[in-house]
Amino acid sequence: MELEIVIRLLLAAFWGALIGAEREYRGKAAGLRTTIMISVGACFFTFMSQWIGGAGNPDRIASNIVTGLGFLCAGVIFRSDNNVSGITTAATIWSVAAVSMGVGAGYYFAAACAAIMILSILTLLTFLQDKIDFINEHKTLRITFKRSDSGHVRCKELFSTYNVKSKLITQHRNLDHIVLEWQIHGSKKSIDSLYAALLQDPVFEELVL
């Protein structure tokens, strides 16, 4: 029994380390040590659930792992302006815990399949995601210009010229300037060309992409 416990904990640490290494390589919030800790912890909680709950209630603790992980996942999701980051890392934490629960319960093959699938999604599908972004990127563009200039009209002209679709999100005015915030999307080439044209246009004083 003792050897089986060690094997399960080591397997949980192994799968957690593999997935965590990918997150560490990409500089994400939940890196190598974090995913290993989550993996080993979830595995041990599954042990305790089986031991404490007994045959009649083996999910006594394990059923609360998913709920408890929600707080941890929320901690790696960041929102700034109209951008949200960390959702993939949060989903990875959740998935790693599921793999480790499978190991803790003794379902080695299912846990291995799930871990390999998670790694495949994080690595192989990144290439596909980059291709999709190259074809159609989504960006938030903030533009500042003087109230006396026709910046809004000029923006629409440039968007049309470079085939970039746009949606005005916010508009702020003060004594001297107007700040427009646009949600734009188009090919990477189109957005890069648009940004270069905006930088050269004397109407716009400040750009944030």
Protein backbone atom coordinates (compact mmCIF):
# COMPACT_ATOMS: atom_id res chain seq x y z
CA MET A 1 0.00 0.00 0.00
CA GLU A 2 2.80 2.41 0.91
CA LEU A 3 4.56 1.79 -2.42
CA GLU A 4 1.30 2.41 -4.29
CA ILE A 5 0.92 5.78 -2.52
CA VAL A 6 4.45 6.82 -3.53
CA ILE A 7 3.88 5.72 -7.14
CA ARG A 8 0.65 7.72 -7.40
CA LEU A 9 2.21 10.86 -5.92
CA LEU A 10 5.23 10.59 -8.22
CA LEU A 11 3.01 10.08 -11.26
CA ALA A 12 0.91 13.11 -10.29
CA ALA A 13 4.09 15.18 -9.87
CA PHE A 14 5.40 13.92 -13.23
CA TRP A 15 2.30 14.93 -15.21
CA GLY A 16 2.07 18.21 -13.34
CA ALA A 17 5.74 18.93 -14.10
CA LEU A 18 5.33 18.23 -17.82
CA ILE A 19 2.38 20.59 -18.15
CA GLY A 20 3.93 23.15 -15.81
CA ALA A 21 7.15 23.20 -17.86
CA GLU A 22 5.16 24.34 -20.89
CA ARG A 23 3.53 27.14 -18.87
CA GLU A 24 6.91 28.11 -17.38
CA TYR A 25 8.47 28.27 -20.85
CA ARG A 26 5.79 30.73 -21.95
CA GLY A 27 6.22 32.84 -18.81
CA LYS A 28 2.72 32.24 -17.46
CA ALA A 29 1.58 32.90 -13.89
CA ALA A 30 1.19 29.23 -12.94
CA GLY A 31 4.58 27.74 -13.81
CA LEU A 32 6.49 24.57 -12.99
CA ARG A 33 6.36 24.57 -9.18
CA THR A 34 2.75 25.78 -9.05
CA THR A 35 1.38 23.03 -11.29
CA ILE A 36 3.41 20.36 -9.44
CA MET A 37 2.01 21.57 -6.11
CA ILE A 38 -1.54 21.58 -7.49
CA SER A 39 -1.06 18.12 -8.99
CA VAL A 40 0.39 16.52 -5.88
CA GLY A 41 -2.14 18.28 -3.65
CA ALA A 42 -5.13 17.15 -5.71
CA CYS A 43 -3.78 13.59 -5.76
CA PHE A 44 -3.34 13.53 -1.98
CA PHE A 45 -6.78 15.07 -1.42
CA THR A 46 -8.20 12.19 -3.48
CA PHE A 47 -6.43 9.71 -1.19
CA MET A 48 -7.83 11.43 1.87
CA SER A 49 -11.30 11.52 0.37
CA GLN A 50 -11.26 7.76 -0.14
CA TRP A 51 -9.77 7.03 3.28
CA ILE A 52 -11.87 9.43 5.35
CA GLY A 53 -15.10 8.97 3.42
CA GLY A 54 -14.75 5.21 3.30
CA ALA A 55 -16.79 2.98 1.03
CA GLY A 56 -20.03 4.78 1.72
CA ASN A 57 -18.84 8.32 0.91
CA PRO A 58 -15.58 8.22 -1.07
CA ASP A 59 -16.15 11.64 -2.68
CA ARG A 60 -16.36 13.47 0.64
CA ILE A 61 -13.30 15.66 -0.01
CA ALA A 62 -12.66 15.06 -3.72
CA SER A 63 -15.95 16.68 -4.73
CA ASN A 64 -14.79 19.96 -3.20
CA ILE A 65 -11.47 20.08 -5.07
CA VAL A 66 -13.10 21.55 -8.17
CA THR A 67 -14.87 24.21 -6.09
CA GLY A 68 -11.73 25.10 -4.16
CA LEU A 69 -9.68 25.37 -7.35
CA GLY A 70 -12.08 28.03 -8.60
CA PHE A 71 -10.54 30.53 -6.16
CA LEU A 72 -7.02 29.65 -7.29
CA CYS A 73 -7.99 29.90 -10.96
CA ALA A 74 -9.55 33.31 -10.37
CA GLY A 75 -6.22 34.53 -9.01
CA VAL A 76 -4.40 34.01 -12.33
CA ILE A 77 -7.00 35.76 -14.50
CA PHE A 78 -6.20 39.42 -15.10
CA ARG A 79 -8.35 42.10 -16.67
CA SER A 80 -6.96 45.39 -17.96
CA ASP A 81 -9.09 47.80 -19.98
CA ASN A 82 -10.82 45.52 -22.54
CA ASN A 83 -8.24 42.73 -22.41
CA VAL A 84 -8.49 39.54 -20.36
CA SER A 85 -5.48 37.27 -19.85
CA GLY A 86 -4.78 34.14 -17.85
CA ILE A 87 -7.86 32.16 -18.85
CA THR A 88 -5.81 29.39 -20.49
CA THR A 89 -3.59 29.13 -17.41
CA ALA A 90 -6.67 28.93 -15.17
CA ALA A 91 -8.10 26.16 -17.35
CA THR A 92 -4.74 24.37 -17.19
CA ILE A 93 -4.78 24.46 -13.37
CA TRP A 94 -8.27 23.00 -13.37
CA SER A 95 -7.28 20.27 -15.84
CA VAL A 96 -4.06 19.35 -14.01
CA ALA A 97 -6.05 18.83 -10.83
CA ALA A 98 -8.46 16.55 -12.72
CA VAL A 99 -5.53 14.48 -14.02
CA SER A 100 -4.09 14.18 -10.52
CA MET A 101 -7.44 13.13 -9.08
CA GLY A 102 -7.48 10.35 -11.68
CA VAL A 103 -4.01 9.25 -10.60
CA GLY A 104 -5.00 9.44 -6.94
CA ALA A 105 -8.00 7.22 -7.61
CA GLY A 106 -5.82 4.69 -9.48
CA TYR A 107 -6.97 5.41 -13.05
CA TYR A 108 -3.48 5.67 -14.52
CA PHE A 109 -4.29 5.14 -18.19
CA ALA A 110 -7.14 7.67 -18.22
CA ALA A 111 -4.96 10.20 -16.38
CA ALA A 112 -2.10 9.69 -18.85
CA CYS A 113 -4.43 10.15 -21.84
CA ALA A 114 -5.85 13.34 -20.33
CA ALA A 115 -2.37 14.72 -19.56
CA ILE A 116 -1.12 14.02 -23.08
CA MET A 117 -4.22 15.67 -24.53
CA ILE A 118 -3.68 18.76 -22.35
CA LEU A 119 -0.05 18.99 -23.46
CA SER A 120 -1.09 18.61 -27.09
CA ILE A 121 -3.64 21.41 -26.76
CA LEU A 122 -1.11 23.74 -25.12
CA THR A 123 1.68 23.06 -27.61
CA LEU A 124 0.40 21.85 -30.96
CA LEU A 125 -2.72 24.04 -31.06
CA THR A 126 -0.64 27.14 -30.30
CA PHE A 127 0.62 26.93 -33.88
CA LEU A 128 -2.97 26.83 -35.18
CA GLN A 129 -3.95 29.72 -32.91
CA ASP A 130 -1.04 31.82 -34.25
CA LYS A 131 -2.20 31.08 -37.80
CA ILE A 132 -5.74 32.17 -36.98
CA ASP A 133 -4.45 35.37 -35.34
CA PHE A 134 -2.32 36.05 -38.42
CA ILE A 135 -5.43 35.87 -40.58
CA ASN A 136 -7.68 37.83 -38.22
CA GLU A 137 -6.23 39.67 -35.22
CA HIS A 138 -8.34 41.45 -32.62
CA LYS A 139 -6.85 44.59 -31.08
CA THR A 140 -7.91 47.54 -28.97
CA LEU A 141 -6.74 50.88 -30.37
CA ARG A 142 -6.73 54.11 -28.36
CA ILE A 143 -6.27 57.36 -30.31
CA THR A 144 -5.87 60.92 -29.04
CA PHE A 145 -6.25 64.03 -31.20
CA LYS A 146 -7.15 67.71 -30.82
CA ARG A 147 -10.82 68.65 -30.70
CA SER A 148 -10.27 70.99 -33.63
CA ASP A 149 -9.19 68.09 -35.88
CA SER A 150 -11.52 65.64 -37.61
CA GLY A 151 -9.88 62.57 -36.06
CA HIS A 152 -12.98 60.40 -36.09
CA VAL A 153 -13.53 60.86 -39.83
CA ARG A 154 -9.83 60.29 -40.50
CA CYS A 155 -9.90 57.03 -38.51
CA LYS A 156 -12.81 55.71 -40.54
CA GLU A 157 -11.02 56.60 -43.77
CA LEU A 158 -7.87 54.74 -42.73
CA PHE A 159 -9.83 51.73 -41.50
CA SER A 160 -11.53 51.52 -44.88
CA THR A 161 -8.25 52.00 -46.78
CA TYR A 162 -6.51 49.14 -44.98
CA ASN A 163 -9.57 46.88 -44.83
CA VAL A 164 -9.75 46.82 -41.03
CA LYS A 165 -13.15 46.41 -39.39
CA SER A 166 -13.81 48.65 -36.40
CA LYS A 167 -16.20 49.36 -33.57
CA LEU A 168 -16.08 52.49 -31.41
CA ILE A 169 -16.08 51.42 -27.75
CA THR A 170 -15.57 54.65 -25.79
CA GLN A 171 -15.18 58.35 -26.48
CA HIS A 172 -13.78 60.83 -23.95
CA ARG A 173 -13.57 64.59 -24.30
CA ASN A 174 -11.69 67.21 -22.32
CA LEU A 175 -10.90 70.86 -22.94
CA ASP A 176 -8.42 70.33 -25.76
CA HIS A 177 -8.47 66.70 -26.84
CA ILE A 178 -10.67 63.76 -27.77
CA VAL A 179 -9.75 60.16 -26.94
CA LEU A 180 -11.35 57.39 -29.00
CA GLU A 181 -11.06 53.72 -28.16
CA TRP A 182 -11.72 51.29 -31.01
CA GLN A 183 -12.09 47.53 -31.17
CA ILE A 184 -10.49 46.58 -34.48
CA HIS A 185 -9.89 43.31 -36.29
CA GLY A 186 -8.31 42.27 -39.56
CA SER A 187 -5.26 40.45 -40.89
CA LYS A 188 -1.93 41.05 -39.15
CA LYS A 189 -0.58 42.69 -42.30
CA SER A 190 -3.55 45.07 -42.51
CA ILE A 191 -3.32 46.09 -38.85
CA ASP A 192 0.44 46.63 -39.05
CA SER A 193 -0.02 48.81 -42.15
CA LEU A 194 -2.83 50.72 -40.46
CA TYR A 195 -0.73 51.38 -37.38
CA ALA A 196 2.18 52.63 -39.51
CA ALA A 197 -0.17 55.02 -41.33
CA LEU A 198 -1.64 56.29 -38.04
CA LEU A 199 1.85 56.98 -36.69
CA GLN A 200 2.69 59.09 -39.73
CA ASP A 201 -0.58 61.01 -39.74
CA PRO A 202 -0.16 64.48 -38.15
CA VAL A 203 -3.78 64.53 -36.94
CA PHE A 204 -3.12 61.96 -34.19
CA GLU A 205 -1.04 62.91 -31.17
CA GLU A 206 -1.03 59.63 -29.24
CA LEU A 207 -1.62 55.99 -30.19
CA VAL A 208 -1.90 52.90 -27.98
CA LEU A 209 -2.39 49.51 -29.64
